[in-house]
Protein backbone atom coordinates (compact mmCIF):
# COMPACT_ATOMS: atom_id res chain seq x y z
CA MET A 1 71.65 133.24 89.69
CA TRP A 2 70.48 130.42 91.95
CA LYS A 3 69.22 128.73 89.01
CA LEU A 4 72.64 128.37 87.81
CA PHE A 5 73.80 126.45 91.05
CA TYR A 6 71.10 124.00 90.80
CA CYS A 7 72.32 122.85 87.47
CA PHE A 8 75.63 121.47 88.39
CA PRO A 9 75.89 121.26 92.17
CA ALA A 10 78.42 118.54 92.03
CA LEU A 11 80.62 120.59 89.52
CA TYR A 12 80.15 123.61 91.59
CA LEU A 13 81.30 121.66 94.70
CA PHE A 14 84.37 120.01 93.04
CA SER A 15 85.49 123.30 91.63
CA ALA A 16 84.99 125.32 95.10
CA LEU A 17 87.03 122.43 96.93
CA SER A 18 89.73 122.56 94.22
CA PHE A 19 89.74 126.40 94.51
CA ILE A 20 90.50 125.99 98.41
CA ILE A 21 92.92 123.30 97.95
CA GLY A 22 94.93 125.29 95.35
CA LEU A 23 94.82 128.30 97.32
CA PHE A 24 96.24 126.39 100.41
CA ILE A 25 99.19 124.90 98.34
CA TYR A 26 99.79 128.31 96.85
CA LEU A 27 99.99 130.18 100.03
CA LYS A 28 101.32 127.30 102.45
CA PRO A 29 103.73 125.50 100.25
CA ASP A 30 105.91 124.16 102.94
CA LYS A 31 102.93 122.75 104.86
CA ALA A 32 101.56 121.15 101.68
CA ILE A 33 105.03 119.29 101.09
CA GLN A 34 105.24 118.51 104.70
CA PHE A 35 101.87 116.95 104.42
CA GLN A 36 102.82 114.85 101.65
CA ILE A 37 106.03 113.66 103.25
CA ASP A 38 104.12 112.60 106.19
CA PHE A 39 101.63 110.88 104.09
CA TYR A 40 104.45 108.76 102.34
CA ARG A 41 105.95 107.99 105.73
CA ARG A 42 102.67 106.31 106.99
CA ILE A 43 102.53 103.87 103.88
CA ASN A 44 106.38 103.03 104.66
CA TRP A 45 108.11 105.05 101.99
CA ASN A 46 110.75 107.78 102.74
CA MET A 47 110.47 110.87 100.41
CA GLN A 48 112.62 113.98 100.50
CA PRO A 49 113.04 116.38 97.65
CA VAL A 50 116.29 116.79 96.12
CA SER A 51 116.12 120.56 96.39
CA MET A 52 113.73 122.13 98.65
CA GLU A 53 113.96 125.40 97.20
CA LYS A 54 112.53 123.86 93.71
CA GLU A 55 109.98 121.84 95.50
CA VAL A 56 108.40 125.10 97.01
CA ARG A 57 108.57 126.82 93.42
CA ASN A 58 106.83 123.89 91.82
CA THR A 59 104.45 123.41 94.54
CA LYS A 60 103.29 126.87 94.26
CA ALA A 61 102.93 126.72 90.51
CA MET A 62 100.78 123.81 91.10
CA GLY A 63 98.47 125.51 93.48
CA LEU A 64 98.15 128.75 91.40
CA PHE A 65 97.34 126.43 88.35
CA LEU A 66 94.68 124.61 90.23
CA VAL A 67 93.24 127.87 91.44
CA VAL A 68 93.02 129.11 87.60
CA ALA A 69 91.58 125.83 86.57
CA ALA A 70 88.80 125.97 89.25
CA LEU A 71 87.75 129.56 88.35
CA ALA A 72 87.72 128.52 84.77
CA ALA A 73 85.82 125.58 85.38
CA VAL A 74 83.05 127.79 87.19
CA ILE A 75 83.29 130.38 84.31
CA THR A 76 82.69 127.70 81.84
CA ILE A 77 79.72 126.23 83.74
CA MET A 78 78.00 129.55 84.21
CA LEU A 79 78.75 130.31 80.16
CA LYS A 80 77.47 126.90 79.20
CA THR A 81 74.12 127.37 81.31
CA ARG A 82 73.49 130.46 79.43
CA LEU A 83 73.48 128.76 76.09
């Protein structure tokens, strides 16, 4: 099992970071949206969602997609190293 980890350490790292960020976005969409709004204010842009309800729903969907994509990447890496 440890042999698999040494084959693609950068891919595992990016997959783990994507999983953690996706989980945060899925579980705390309000904080993720507020983080984005604050970031845009720092670069002199004013960004407000038209519908906060739709924004939260879309943000949760994006977070879930990121979690699934990260898990799929890890599974693909493990399957590729077996071949």
